[in-house]
Protein backbone atom coordinates (compact mmCIF):
# COMPACT_ATOMS: atom_id res chain seq x y z
CA UNK A 1 -193.89 102.63 61.96
CA UNK A 2 -192.85 105.54 59.64
CA UNK A 3 -196.30 105.53 58.00
CA UNK A 4 -197.38 107.32 61.04
CA UNK A 5 -195.32 110.03 61.40
CA UNK A 6 -196.58 110.80 58.25
CA UNK A 7 -199.80 110.76 58.52
CA UNK A 8 -199.44 112.41 61.86
CA UNK A 9 -197.75 115.58 60.11
CA UNK A 10 -200.18 115.63 57.71
CA UNK A 11 -202.91 116.56 60.38
CA UNK A 12 -200.92 118.78 61.05
CA UNK A 13 -200.43 120.41 58.17
CA UNK A 14 -203.74 120.54 57.82
CA UNK A 15 -205.37 121.58 60.83
CA UNK A 16 -202.57 124.84 60.61
CA UNK A 17 -204.52 124.99 57.12
CA UNK A 18 -208.40 125.16 58.25
CA UNK A 19 -206.56 127.37 61.52
CA UNK A 20 -205.73 130.50 58.61
CA UNK A 21 -208.62 129.62 56.42
CA UNK A 22 -211.49 130.09 59.32
CA UNK A 23 -209.03 132.68 61.84
CA UNK A 24 -207.77 134.85 59.29
CA UNK A 25 -210.54 136.00 57.55
CA UNK A 26 -209.62 139.29 56.99
CA UNK A 27 -206.96 139.10 53.35
CA UNK A 28 -208.29 136.77 50.38
CA UNK A 29 -204.96 135.70 49.64
CA UNK A 30 -204.21 133.72 53.11
CA UNK A 31 -207.29 132.63 53.00
CA UNK A 32 -206.53 130.91 49.33
CA UNK A 33 -203.60 129.40 51.16
CA UNK A 34 -204.57 128.08 53.59
CA UNK A 35 -206.29 126.25 51.58
CA UNK A 36 -203.30 125.59 49.04
CA UNK A 37 -202.31 123.75 52.57
CA UNK A 38 -204.99 121.69 53.31
CA UNK A 39 -205.21 120.51 49.34
CA UNK A 40 -200.92 119.90 50.19
CA UNK A 41 -202.26 116.88 53.33
CA UNK A 42 -205.05 115.37 51.47
CA UNK A 43 -202.35 114.37 49.20
CA UNK A 44 -199.66 113.76 51.36
CA UNK A 45 -202.14 111.38 52.63
CA UNK A 46 -203.08 109.80 49.87
CA UNK A 47 -199.82 109.50 48.25
CA UNK A 48 -198.24 107.46 51.74
CA UNK A 49 -201.47 105.79 52.64
CA UNK A 50 -200.31 104.49 48.78
CA UNK A 51 -196.75 103.53 49.50
CA UNK A 52 -198.32 101.70 52.55
CA UNK A 53 -200.63 99.58 50.63
CA UNK A 54 -198.27 99.01 47.41
CA UNK A 55 -200.83 100.38 45.34
CA UNK A 56 -201.52 102.78 42.29
CA UNK A 57 -205.43 103.99 43.44
CA UNK A 58 -203.59 106.72 46.00
CA UNK A 59 -201.53 108.15 43.57
CA UNK A 60 -204.31 108.94 40.98
CA UNK A 61 -206.36 110.65 43.30
CA UNK A 62 -203.60 113.11 44.52
CA UNK A 63 -203.17 113.29 40.69
CA UNK A 64 -207.26 114.12 40.40
CA UNK A 65 -206.54 116.50 43.91
CA UNK A 66 -203.63 118.30 42.05
CA UNK A 67 -206.16 119.09 38.90
CA UNK A 68 -208.35 121.08 41.22
CA UNK A 69 -206.00 122.84 43.60
CA UNK A 70 -204.44 124.39 40.19
CA UNK A 71 -208.08 125.27 38.85
CA UNK A 72 -208.62 126.08 42.31
CA UNK A 73 -206.15 128.84 42.24
CA UNK A 74 -206.37 129.81 38.94
CA UNK A 75 -210.26 130.94 39.64
CA UNK A 76 -209.38 132.46 43.09
CA UNK A 77 -206.12 135.14 41.68
CA UNK A 78 -208.92 136.21 38.95
CA UNK A 79 -211.31 136.96 41.66
CA UNK A 80 -208.41 138.33 42.97
CA UNK A 81 -207.40 140.59 40.22
CA UNK A 82 -211.57 141.47 39.53
CA UNK A 83 -211.94 142.50 43.23
CA UNK A 84 -208.52 144.74 43.45
CA UNK A 85 -209.53 146.44 40.40
CA UNK A 86 -212.42 147.13 41.68
CA UNK A 87 -212.18 148.54 45.60
CA UNK A 88 -208.56 148.42 45.21
CA UNK A 89 -208.19 146.18 48.48
CA UNK A 90 -208.05 142.58 48.92
CA UNK A 91 -210.23 142.55 53.05
CA UNK A 92 -212.59 140.08 52.53
CA UNK A 93 -215.54 141.15 54.98
CA UNK A 94 -215.88 143.47 51.73
CA UNK A 95 -216.37 141.34 49.18
CA UNK A 96 -220.38 140.73 49.58
CA UNK A 97 -220.47 144.21 47.64
CA UNK A 98 -219.41 142.40 43.97
CA UNK A 99 -223.21 140.75 43.89
CA UNK A 100 -224.01 142.53 40.13
């Protein structure tokens, strides 16, 4: 019975992250934070399913997702620093000007 509350909470978190990503198209940092919320919801789903099924596979998948999230954060923050140095703003609507 309690496992369904975890799945419902994770679904709500994922929807909040998806809506934040698609509705807030102006600030790059807030888009990265919404993507991180979505990855957190996926991790919590993997962990809840792992506990429910009494299997380690969900925990291993959560570990892989955390690895991808760490790499995504590092690359995203590096892009933020480069973009802010060039344009002195983090508005996403002008990001296509970074073409080499």
